[in-house]
Amino acid sequence: MTNTWHSGLESQREEVSDERLPVAGSFPSWLDGTLFVNGPGVFEVGDRRLNHWFDALAMLRGFRINGNTIRYTNRLVRSEDFRVASEEGRVRRQLPGTPADGSALRRLYLGLAGDFQDNPSIGVLHLEGSVYAVTESPIGIEIDPQTLQTVGRRDLSTGLEADATLGHTHVDEGVQWGLAPSFGRKVAYTLFRREPDEPPEAVTRLWFGSHPPYIHAFALTERYAVVPEGSFGVDFRALLSGIPRGRTFLDAFRRRDGTPRFHVIDRETGARTAAVGAEPFFVFHVANAFELDDTIVVDCVAYDDIRAITGLTVDNLRSDDPAVPRGDFVRYRLPLNGGRAERETLYPGPAEFPTINYTAVNGRAYDYAYLASIDRGSLPTAIAKVRPDTRETHRWSRAGVHPGEPLFVPAPNGGDEDDGVLLSLALDSNADRSVLLCLDATTLTERGRAPLPHRLPAGFHGQFYDATDPRRLMQ
């Protein structure tokens, strides 16, 4: 069978500005705003191929949508990492799977100095009237929302005792909630809140040793923040000793000692209400969490082994028979009065990028989650709609089409939780180009699609910001 996913892991250097896209079918007339999608753009620096999916130089994709009028712009983010790669043909700072260029002494110096990459390929953050491309770094790259041009830089860790901030945040009633790691002999993650136009305020800190868990995202309920302490992370002692020899985070990523746990933190006081042990797990993304009597329910995509990270090398993902990490969509029940976490599978993987009707149900009991699901190969082949309480599932798929993250956009004045549409930027391998899909979120029928003028690498995370009310629609 033909490898239809390979081209979704190839570089795209072409940039398009404000091009109107043709539309087959129809996008709803009420859809009025801008969709940003962040992710890989270029997988090479000079004559070096970058090793890991997370290493690629960031490219933003922007869609200004007003019903069936869709204007498209894409642009590589002009970070310092991009400038050095373009002008000097070298890797400026260590990337997750690719070492920095230079001598062993220079690599060691950069490691000790704690200098971070600023290549912002994870997601998009709307903060205090500005839009930032972000990654797991202190730096957010400010972009012009119309042209996607880089217009500034901001240290998002300012005001916190931290070295970086995570790419995934929450917004609850206008307040941003985030996690910020600090590195040293001991590693800490600071849970913080940021009121509009105010400096961030630390709520509490979670302390770990020199081999902390890798935390990518967390959950909020109405009363608590839930932070997963998974089974795998970067051994910083091994990393520091290996940096001069060209070793990377990927090489130092290994299983941790001790019991993996979920930390349940009171959002008001910062007190740790519970630390609930679990069987070995690793989590990138959480769909939702909510309180149920004396239990916290957490729905997320969970992995059982280290391939969640190590299996995302470019060589593996491009191969004809890739060993794709299997993440299952699962439900954890965390007892607050003692005992271990209970886990049940809601939808078997490989699956990723879980989303919900964020503005309506985040932190509360809910009915529907949406996922990108893989049947074969490296990239998603279907979008699944799952009802967690019953495990009822509906799917959308088309031969040769690889959808990305399904982003739920609610209909105005919608009555039901699933009253809206899903937007997904997909690779149509049959046409060798990307396409913006619009699915009815209730039925998963395709309402419309807008073909792009070229093919893009598979992306990571997006946000749709309404023209009149730019609320955050996903974590």
Protein backbone atom coordinates (compact mmCIF):
# COMPACT_ATOMS: atom_id res chain seq x y z
CA MET A 1 0.00 0.00 0.00
CA THR A 2 1.28 3.46 -0.90
CA ASN A 3 2.83 5.63 1.82
CA THR A 4 0.40 8.57 1.79
CA TRP A 5 1.79 10.36 4.86
CA HIS A 6 5.41 10.93 3.82
CA SER A 7 4.77 14.33 2.21
CA GLY A 8 3.18 15.57 5.45
CA LEU A 9 6.65 15.35 7.01
CA GLU A 10 8.53 17.22 4.27
CA SER A 11 9.61 20.87 4.38
CA GLN A 12 7.64 23.74 2.85
CA ARG A 13 9.54 27.00 2.27
CA GLU A 14 6.97 28.73 0.05
CA GLU A 15 5.11 31.57 1.74
CA VAL A 16 1.73 32.83 0.53
CA SER A 17 0.19 36.16 1.48
CA ASP A 18 -3.55 36.90 1.65
CA GLU A 19 -4.63 34.49 -1.07
CA ARG A 20 -8.35 33.80 -1.43
CA LEU A 21 -9.09 30.08 -1.37
CA PRO A 22 -11.72 28.30 -3.46
CA VAL A 23 -14.43 26.59 -1.41
CA ALA A 24 -16.24 23.35 -2.16
CA GLY A 25 -19.47 23.05 -0.19
CA SER A 26 -20.01 25.79 2.37
CA PHE A 27 -18.67 27.13 5.63
CA PRO A 28 -21.39 28.50 7.95
CA SER A 29 -22.32 32.15 7.42
CA TRP A 30 -21.86 32.84 11.15
CA LEU A 31 -18.20 31.77 11.09
CA ASP A 32 -16.32 35.09 11.26
CA GLY A 33 -12.78 35.23 12.63
CA THR A 34 -9.21 34.04 12.21
CA LEU A 35 -7.87 30.52 12.52
CA PHE A 36 -4.18 30.23 13.40
CA VAL A 37 -2.41 26.87 13.17
CA ASN A 38 1.19 26.44 14.34
CA GLY A 39 3.61 23.64 13.59
CA PRO A 40 6.62 22.48 11.59
CA GLY A 41 7.71 24.27 8.44
CA VAL A 42 11.30 23.28 7.59
CA PHE A 43 13.09 20.10 8.66
CA GLU A 44 16.62 21.10 7.55
CA VAL A 45 19.21 23.63 8.69
CA GLY A 46 21.97 24.09 6.13
CA ASP A 47 22.91 20.59 5.01
CA ARG A 48 21.73 19.03 8.29
CA ARG A 49 18.42 17.25 8.62
CA LEU A 50 16.71 17.86 11.94
CA ASN A 51 16.10 14.64 13.84
CA HIS A 52 12.76 15.00 15.62
CA TRP A 53 9.26 16.16 14.69
CA PHE A 54 9.51 18.80 17.44
CA ASP A 55 12.77 20.22 15.98
CA ALA A 56 11.46 21.68 12.71
CA LEU A 57 11.53 25.45 12.23
CA ALA A 58 8.10 26.88 13.02
CA MET A 59 5.58 27.96 10.39
CA LEU A 60 2.30 29.75 11.09
CA ARG A 61 -0.77 29.17 8.96
CA GLY A 62 -3.47 31.84 9.07
CA PHE A 63 -7.03 31.73 7.70
CA ARG A 64 -9.24 34.80 7.77
CA ILE A 65 -12.72 33.27 7.52
CA ASN A 66 -16.00 35.08 6.86
CA GLY A 67 -18.47 32.44 5.77
CA ASN A 68 -17.33 31.18 2.38
CA THR A 69 -14.74 33.93 1.99
CA ILE A 70 -11.44 32.46 3.18
CA ARG A 71 -8.12 34.25 2.80
CA TYR A 72 -4.92 32.31 3.49
CA THR A 73 -1.44 33.38 4.63
CA ASN A 74 1.49 31.27 5.80
CA ARG A 75 4.85 32.44 7.11
CA LEU A 76 7.91 30.95 8.73
CA VAL A 77 8.38 32.54 12.16
CA ARG A 78 11.39 34.89 12.22
CA SER A 79 12.84 33.74 15.54
CA GLU A 80 16.54 33.97 16.38
CA ASP A 81 16.75 30.24 15.71
CA PHE A 82 15.33 30.88 12.22
CA ARG A 83 17.67 33.82 11.56
CA VAL A 84 20.80 31.87 12.45
CA ALA A 85 19.60 28.83 10.51
CA SER A 86 18.87 30.95 7.42
CA GLU A 87 21.87 33.29 7.50
CA GLU A 88 24.54 31.04 8.95
CA GLY A 89 23.26 27.55 8.21
CA ARG A 90 23.66 26.29 11.77
CA VAL A 91 21.55 25.16 14.72
CA ARG A 92 21.78 28.01 17.24
CA ARG A 93 20.49 26.28 20.38
CA GLN A 94 19.88 22.67 21.25
CA LEU A 95 16.57 21.36 19.93
CA PRO A 96 14.74 18.38 21.48
CA GLY A 97 16.43 15.87 19.17
CA THR A 98 19.16 17.86 17.40
CA PRO A 99 22.30 19.22 19.14
CA ALA A 100 23.49 22.79 18.70
CA ASP A 101 26.30 23.35 16.24
CA GLY A 102 29.73 24.17 17.57
CA SER A 103 32.49 22.73 19.69
CA ALA A 104 32.02 20.55 22.76
CA LEU A 105 33.05 23.50 24.92
CA ARG A 106 30.47 25.78 23.32
CA ARG A 107 27.72 23.20 23.76
CA LEU A 108 28.64 22.79 27.42
CA TYR A 109 28.63 26.56 27.91
CA LEU A 110 25.15 26.86 26.38
CA GLY A 111 23.92 24.01 28.56
CA LEU A 112 25.25 25.57 31.75
CA ALA A 113 23.97 29.02 30.80
CA GLY A 114 20.47 27.62 30.38
CA ASP A 115 19.91 29.31 27.02
CA PHE A 116 16.70 28.15 25.35
CA GLN A 117 15.59 27.78 21.78
CA ASP A 118 13.05 30.38 20.68
CA ASN A 119 11.63 28.38 17.77
CA PRO A 120 7.89 28.64 18.63
CA SER A 121 6.21 25.69 16.92
CA ILE A 122 3.63 24.45 19.48
CA GLY A 123 0.72 26.86 19.55
CA VAL A 124 -0.70 30.38 19.59
CA LEU A 125 -1.47 32.62 22.56
CA HIS A 126 -3.72 35.70 22.57
CA LEU A 127 -2.55 37.83 25.51
CA GLU A 128 -3.37 41.43 26.34
CA GLY A 129 -4.37 42.30 22.80
CA SER A 130 -1.38 40.67 21.10
CA VAL A 131 -0.89 37.30 19.41
CA TYR A 132 2.18 35.18 20.16
CA ALA A 133 3.59 32.01 18.65
CA VAL A 134 4.78 29.91 21.60
CA THR A 135 6.69 26.81 22.58
CA GLU A 136 8.27 25.49 25.80
CA SER A 137 10.57 28.48 26.17
CA PRO A 138 10.52 31.80 28.01
CA ILE A 139 10.10 33.62 24.69
CA GLY A 140 6.86 34.29 22.88
CA ILE A 141 7.24 35.63 19.34
CA GLU A 142 4.71 38.38 18.72
CA ILE A 143 3.10 38.27 15.29
CA ASP A 144 0.95 40.59 13.25
CA PRO A 145 -2.39 38.75 13.10
CA GLN A 146 -3.04 39.92 9.53
CA THR A 147 0.34 39.35 7.85
CA LEU A 148 1.83 36.81 10.31
CA GLN A 149 5.04 38.85 10.25
CA THR A 150 7.19 38.81 13.37
CA VAL A 151 6.82 42.15 15.15
CA GLY A 152 8.37 41.57 18.57
CA ARG A 153 9.46 39.29 21.37
CA ARG A 154 8.22 38.92 24.94
CA ASP A 155 9.66 37.08 27.91
CA LEU A 156 6.55 35.28 29.14
CA SER A 157 8.32 34.17 32.33
CA THR A 158 8.85 37.77 33.56
CA GLY A 159 7.55 38.10 37.11
CA LEU A 160 7.91 34.39 37.84
CA GLU A 161 10.73 32.47 39.48
CA ALA A 162 11.02 30.33 36.37
CA ASP A 163 13.14 29.67 33.30
CA ALA A 164 10.34 29.05 30.79
CA THR A 165 6.60 28.66 30.37
CA LEU A 166 4.70 25.79 28.79
CA GLY A 167 3.06 26.12 25.40
CA HIS A 168 -0.37 25.04 26.73
CA THR A 169 -2.30 27.38 29.02
CA HIS A 170 -5.89 27.75 30.18
CA VAL A 171 -8.13 30.80 30.23
CA ASP A 172 -10.97 30.83 32.75
CA GLU A 173 -13.20 33.91 33.00
CA GLY A 174 -10.47 36.03 31.44
CA VAL A 175 -7.72 34.76 33.75
CA GLN A 176 -4.78 32.89 32.22
CA TRP A 177 -3.52 29.82 34.08
CA GLY A 178 -0.18 28.25 33.22
CA LEU A 179 2.81 26.20 34.35
CA ALA A 180 6.35 27.53 34.36
CA PRO A 181 9.37 25.22 34.94
CA SER A 182 12.64 26.25 36.59
CA PHE A 183 15.77 24.13 36.20
CA GLY A 184 18.71 23.58 38.50
CA ARG A 185 19.84 21.05 41.09
CA LYS A 186 16.14 20.67 41.78
CA VAL A 187 13.43 21.27 39.21
CA ALA A 188 10.18 23.05 40.03
CA TYR A 189 6.96 23.68 38.14
CA THR A 190 5.17 26.86 39.20
CA LEU A 191 1.41 27.03 38.78
CA PHE A 192 0.54 30.66 38.05
CA ARG A 193 -2.43 32.85 37.24
CA ARG A 194 -2.40 36.09 35.24
CA GLU A 195 -5.19 38.63 35.47
CA PRO A 196 -5.69 40.81 32.37
CA ASP A 197 -2.97 43.49 32.14
CA GLU A 198 -1.43 42.34 35.44
CA PRO A 199 1.85 40.52 36.16
CA PRO A 200 1.61 36.77 36.74
CA GLU A 201 1.01 35.54 40.29
CA ALA A 202 2.52 32.28 41.53
CA VAL A 203 -0.10 30.01 43.13
CA THR A 204 2.16 27.13 44.21
CA ARG A 205 5.29 25.19 43.21
CA LEU A 206 5.80 21.47 42.70
CA TRP A 207 9.38 20.34 43.40
CA PHE A 208 11.23 17.45 41.77
CA GLY A 209 14.82 16.21 41.69
CA SER A 210 17.27 16.23 38.79
CA HIS A 211 15.08 13.77 36.84
CA PRO A 212 11.70 15.53 36.75
CA PRO A 213 8.63 14.45 34.79
CA TYR A 214 8.11 15.98 31.38
CA ILE A 215 4.89 17.98 31.71
CA HIS A 216 3.33 19.34 28.53
CA ALA A 217 -0.19 20.25 29.65
CA PHE A 218 -2.47 20.19 32.70
CA ALA A 219 -6.18 20.35 33.53
CA LEU A 220 -8.48 22.72 35.37
CA THR A 221 -11.70 21.88 37.17
CA GLU A 222 -13.93 24.49 38.78
CA ARG A 223 -11.94 24.25 42.03
CA TYR A 224 -8.66 22.47 41.21
CA ALA A 225 -5.69 22.35 38.90
CA VAL A 226 -4.61 18.79 38.04
CA VAL A 227 -0.94 18.32 37.10
CA PRO A 228 0.20 14.93 35.74
CA GLU A 229 3.53 13.62 37.06
CA GLY A 230 4.20 10.96 34.46
CA SER A 231 6.65 8.08 34.33
CA PHE A 232 9.15 9.64 31.91
CA GLY A 233 11.26 12.76 31.75
CA VAL A 234 14.66 14.26 31.04
CA ASP A 235 17.47 13.14 33.34
CA PHE A 236 19.29 16.48 33.63
CA ARG A 237 22.46 14.99 35.04
CA ALA A 238 22.71 12.65 32.05
CA LEU A 239 21.85 15.53 29.73
CA LEU A 240 24.53 17.84 31.11
CA SER A 241 27.22 15.18 30.89
CA GLY A 242 26.16 14.30 27.35
CA ILE A 243 25.78 17.80 25.88
CA PRO A 244 29.49 18.19 24.95
CA ARG A 245 29.24 14.93 22.98
CA GLY A 246 26.22 16.14 21.05
CA ARG A 247 23.60 14.40 23.18
CA THR A 248 20.12 15.94 23.40
CA PHE A 249 16.93 15.91 25.46
CA LEU A 250 15.85 12.90 23.41
CA ASP A 251 18.97 10.97 24.47
CA ALA A 252 18.42 11.86 28.15
CA PHE A 253 14.71 11.10 28.11
CA ARG A 254 14.16 7.98 30.19
CA ARG A 255 11.96 6.27 32.74
CA ARG A 256 11.87 7.80 36.20
CA ASP A 257 12.02 6.09 39.57
CA GLY A 258 9.05 6.32 41.87
CA THR A 259 5.28 6.21 41.49
CA PRO A 260 3.66 8.36 38.78
CA ARG A 261 0.99 10.62 40.24
CA PHE A 262 -1.62 13.24 39.57
CA HIS A 263 -1.24 16.35 41.76
CA VAL A 264 -4.55 17.98 42.68
CA ILE A 265 -4.04 21.63 43.69
CA ASP A 266 -6.62 23.97 45.19
CA ARG A 267 -6.76 26.93 42.80
CA GLU A 268 -7.71 29.37 45.54
CA THR A 269 -5.18 28.48 48.23
CA GLY A 270 -2.43 26.68 46.30
CA ALA A 271 -2.61 23.76 48.74
CA ARG A 272 -2.04 20.28 47.36
CA THR A 273 -5.30 18.49 48.12
CA ALA A 274 -4.11 15.09 46.91
CA ALA A 275 -1.30 13.28 45.08
CA VAL A 276 -2.97 10.26 43.52
CA GLY A 277 -0.73 7.39 42.41
CA ALA A 278 -1.27 5.59 39.11
CA GLU A 279 0.16 2.85 36.95
CA PRO A 280 2.98 4.02 34.64
CA PHE A 281 1.75 6.62 32.14
CA PHE A 282 2.76 9.56 30.01
CA VAL A 283 0.43 12.36 28.89
CA PHE A 284 0.84 15.06 26.28
CA HIS A 285 -2.71 16.40 26.14
CA VAL A 286 -5.75 16.53 28.40
CA ALA A 287 -9.25 16.78 26.95
CA ASN A 288 -11.05 17.80 30.14
CA ALA A 289 -11.35 17.26 33.89
CA PHE A 290 -14.17 17.77 36.36
CA GLU A 291 -15.26 17.06 39.92
CA LEU A 292 -17.66 14.24 40.72
CA ASP A 293 -18.45 13.88 44.44
CA ASP A 294 -15.08 13.04 46.11
CA THR A 295 -13.43 12.17 42.80
CA ILE A 296 -11.68 14.08 40.05
CA VAL A 297 -12.33 12.75 36.54
CA VAL A 298 -9.52 13.36 34.02
CA ASP A 299 -9.93 12.46 30.35
CA CYS A 300 -6.69 12.49 28.37
CA VAL A 301 -4.58 10.65 25.82
CA ALA A 302 -2.24 8.35 27.78
CA TYR A 303 0.80 6.36 26.68
CA ASP A 304 2.36 3.42 28.47
CA ASP A 305 5.96 3.63 27.29
CA ILE A 306 8.77 5.98 26.33
CA ARG A 307 8.01 5.79 22.61
CA ALA A 308 5.57 8.65 23.17
CA ILE A 309 8.67 10.83 22.72
CA THR A 310 11.33 8.60 21.18
CA GLY A 311 8.94 7.32 18.50
CA LEU A 312 8.51 10.79 16.99
CA THR A 313 11.81 10.92 15.14
CA VAL A 314 11.57 12.09 11.54
CA ASP A 315 13.17 8.87 10.26
CA ASN A 316 10.55 6.74 11.97
CA LEU A 317 7.58 8.90 10.96
CA ARG A 318 8.64 9.03 7.30
CA SER A 319 9.21 5.29 7.04
CA ASP A 320 6.87 2.92 5.20
CA ASP A 321 6.25 0.92 8.38
CA PRO A 322 6.50 3.40 11.27
CA ALA A 323 6.34 2.30 14.90
CA VAL A 324 3.81 4.96 15.87
CA PRO A 325 3.43 5.60 19.61
CA ARG A 326 0.06 4.35 20.78
CA GLY A 327 -1.86 6.81 22.87
CA ASP A 328 -5.31 5.72 24.02
CA PHE A 329 -8.06 8.15 24.98
CA VAL A 330 -8.65 7.20 28.60
CA ARG A 331 -10.54 8.27 31.72
CA TYR A 332 -8.80 8.47 35.09
CA ARG A 333 -10.79 8.63 38.29
CA LEU A 334 -8.76 10.23 41.07
CA PRO A 335 -10.13 9.61 44.61
CA LEU A 336 -9.49 12.61 46.86
CA ASN A 337 -9.86 10.60 50.06
CA GLY A 338 -7.11 8.07 49.41
CA GLY A 339 -6.43 5.24 46.98
CA ARG A 340 -4.97 4.93 43.52
CA ALA A 341 -6.22 6.20 40.19
CA GLU A 342 -8.59 3.99 38.23
CA ARG A 343 -8.20 4.00 34.44
CA GLU A 344 -10.52 2.91 31.64
CA THR A 345 -10.11 3.18 27.89
CA LEU A 346 -12.69 5.34 26.15
CA TYR A 347 -11.28 5.10 22.63
CA PRO A 348 -8.33 2.88 21.61
CA GLY A 349 -5.46 4.57 19.83
CA PRO A 350 -3.27 5.60 18.30
CA ALA A 351 -5.09 8.90 18.77
CA GLU A 352 -4.10 12.44 19.73
CA PHE A 353 -5.07 16.12 19.85
CA PRO A 354 -8.22 15.78 22.01
CA THR A 355 -10.52 18.81 21.97
CA ILE A 356 -13.88 19.81 23.44
CA ASN A 357 -16.34 22.70 23.40
CA TYR A 358 -13.84 24.54 25.59
CA THR A 359 -15.72 27.73 26.40
CA ALA A 360 -18.87 25.84 27.40
CA VAL A 361 -17.63 22.80 29.34
CA ASN A 362 -13.96 23.03 30.27
CA GLY A 363 -13.63 22.01 33.93
CA ARG A 364 -17.18 20.65 34.07
CA ALA A 365 -18.97 17.41 33.25
CA TYR A 366 -19.36 17.15 29.48
CA ASP A 367 -20.71 14.95 26.71
CA TYR A 368 -18.35 15.05 23.72
CA ALA A 369 -14.65 14.93 22.87
CA TYR A 370 -13.03 15.02 19.44
CA LEU A 371 -9.76 13.37 18.43
CA ALA A 372 -7.45 12.80 15.49
CA SER A 373 -7.20 9.03 15.06
CA ILE A 374 -4.63 6.89 13.21
CA ASP A 375 -5.57 3.65 11.44
CA ARG A 376 -2.32 3.22 9.53
CA GLY A 377 0.92 5.16 9.05
CA SER A 378 2.29 8.19 10.88
CA LEU A 379 -0.43 10.81 10.46
CA PRO A 380 -4.10 10.81 11.46
CA THR A 381 -6.51 9.16 9.06
CA ALA A 382 -9.81 10.00 10.77
CA ILE A 383 -11.55 12.39 13.14
CA ALA A 384 -13.43 10.67 15.96
CA LYS A 385 -16.25 12.03 18.09
CA VAL A 386 -16.46 10.21 21.42
CA ARG A 387 -19.12 10.32 24.12
CA PRO A 388 -17.04 9.44 27.20
CA ASP A 389 -19.88 8.28 29.45
CA THR A 390 -21.12 5.71 26.95
CA ARG A 391 -18.07 5.28 24.67
CA GLU A 392 -20.36 5.88 21.71
CA THR A 393 -18.17 6.86 18.74
CA HIS A 394 -18.65 8.41 15.31
CA ARG A 395 -15.88 8.88 12.75
CA TRP A 396 -15.10 10.89 9.63
CA SER A 397 -12.45 9.73 7.15
CA ARG A 398 -11.59 9.94 3.46
CA ALA A 399 -9.04 7.83 1.58
CA GLY A 400 -5.68 9.59 1.33
CA VAL A 401 -6.72 12.49 3.60
CA HIS A 402 -4.81 13.05 6.85
CA PRO A 403 -6.70 15.46 9.14
CA GLY A 404 -5.03 17.52 11.83
CA GLU A 405 -6.27 18.63 15.22
CA PRO A 406 -10.09 19.02 15.19
CA LEU A 407 -10.81 22.48 16.63
CA PHE A 408 -14.38 22.98 17.86
CA VAL A 409 -15.97 26.36 17.12
CA PRO A 410 -19.37 26.85 18.80
CA ALA A 411 -22.31 28.23 16.87
CA PRO A 412 -23.63 31.54 18.20
CA ASN A 413 -26.47 30.98 20.65
CA GLY A 414 -26.05 27.24 20.19
CA GLY A 415 -28.20 25.19 22.51
CA ASP A 416 -26.47 21.82 22.54
CA GLU A 417 -22.87 21.16 23.52
CA ASP A 418 -22.02 19.88 20.03
CA ASP A 419 -23.79 22.68 18.15
CA GLY A 420 -20.96 24.04 16.02
CA VAL A 421 -18.29 23.01 13.55
CA LEU A 422 -14.89 21.38 13.57
CA LEU A 423 -12.07 23.04 11.67
CA SER A 424 -9.15 20.82 10.73
CA LEU A 425 -6.15 21.54 8.51
CA ALA A 426 -5.56 18.32 6.59
CA LEU A 427 -3.15 16.85 4.04
CA ASP A 428 -4.89 15.62 0.91
CA SER A 429 -2.24 13.24 -0.43
CA ASN A 430 -4.35 12.51 -3.52
CA ALA A 431 -4.00 16.14 -4.67
CA ASP A 432 -0.57 16.70 -3.00
CA ARG A 433 -1.86 19.77 -1.22
CA SER A 434 -3.33 20.75 2.11
CA VAL A 435 -7.00 21.54 2.64
CA LEU A 436 -8.99 23.29 5.34
CA LEU A 437 -11.89 21.07 6.37
CA CYS A 438 -15.16 22.17 7.98
CA LEU A 439 -17.21 19.37 9.56
CA ASP A 440 -20.57 19.55 11.27
CA ALA A 441 -19.68 18.80 14.89
CA THR A 442 -23.02 17.11 15.57
CA THR A 443 -23.04 14.64 12.68
CA LEU A 444 -19.38 14.69 11.51
CA THR A 445 -20.59 15.26 7.96
CA GLU A 446 -18.36 17.39 5.79
CA ARG A 447 -19.86 20.83 5.23
CA GLY A 448 -17.07 22.36 3.20
CA ARG A 449 -13.41 22.35 2.29
CA ALA A 450 -10.97 24.96 1.02
CA PRO A 451 -7.93 23.63 -0.89
CA LEU A 452 -4.64 25.46 -0.30
CA PRO A 453 -2.24 26.34 -3.14
CA HIS A 454 0.42 24.02 -1.76
CA ARG A 455 1.17 21.21 0.68
CA LEU A 456 2.07 21.94 4.30
CA PRO A 457 3.78 19.74 6.88
CA ALA A 458 1.40 18.27 9.45
CA GLY A 459 0.85 20.88 12.16
CA PHE A 460 0.39 20.86 15.90
CA HIS A 461 -2.08 23.22 17.59
CA GLY A 462 -4.45 25.95 16.49
CA GLN A 463 -6.82 28.59 17.84
CA PHE A 464 -9.84 30.24 16.25
CA TYR A 465 -10.40 33.79 17.42
CA ASP A 466 -13.82 35.26 16.70
CA ALA A 467 -13.75 38.66 15.03
CA THR A 468 -15.71 40.29 17.87
CA ASP A 469 -14.93 38.04 20.86
CA PRO A 470 -11.42 36.50 20.67
CA ARG A 471 -11.88 33.85 23.38
CA ARG A 472 -9.56 30.88 23.73
CA LEU A 473 -11.27 27.79 22.27
CA MET A 474 -8.90 25.08 23.42
CA GLN A 475 -6.13 24.45 25.94
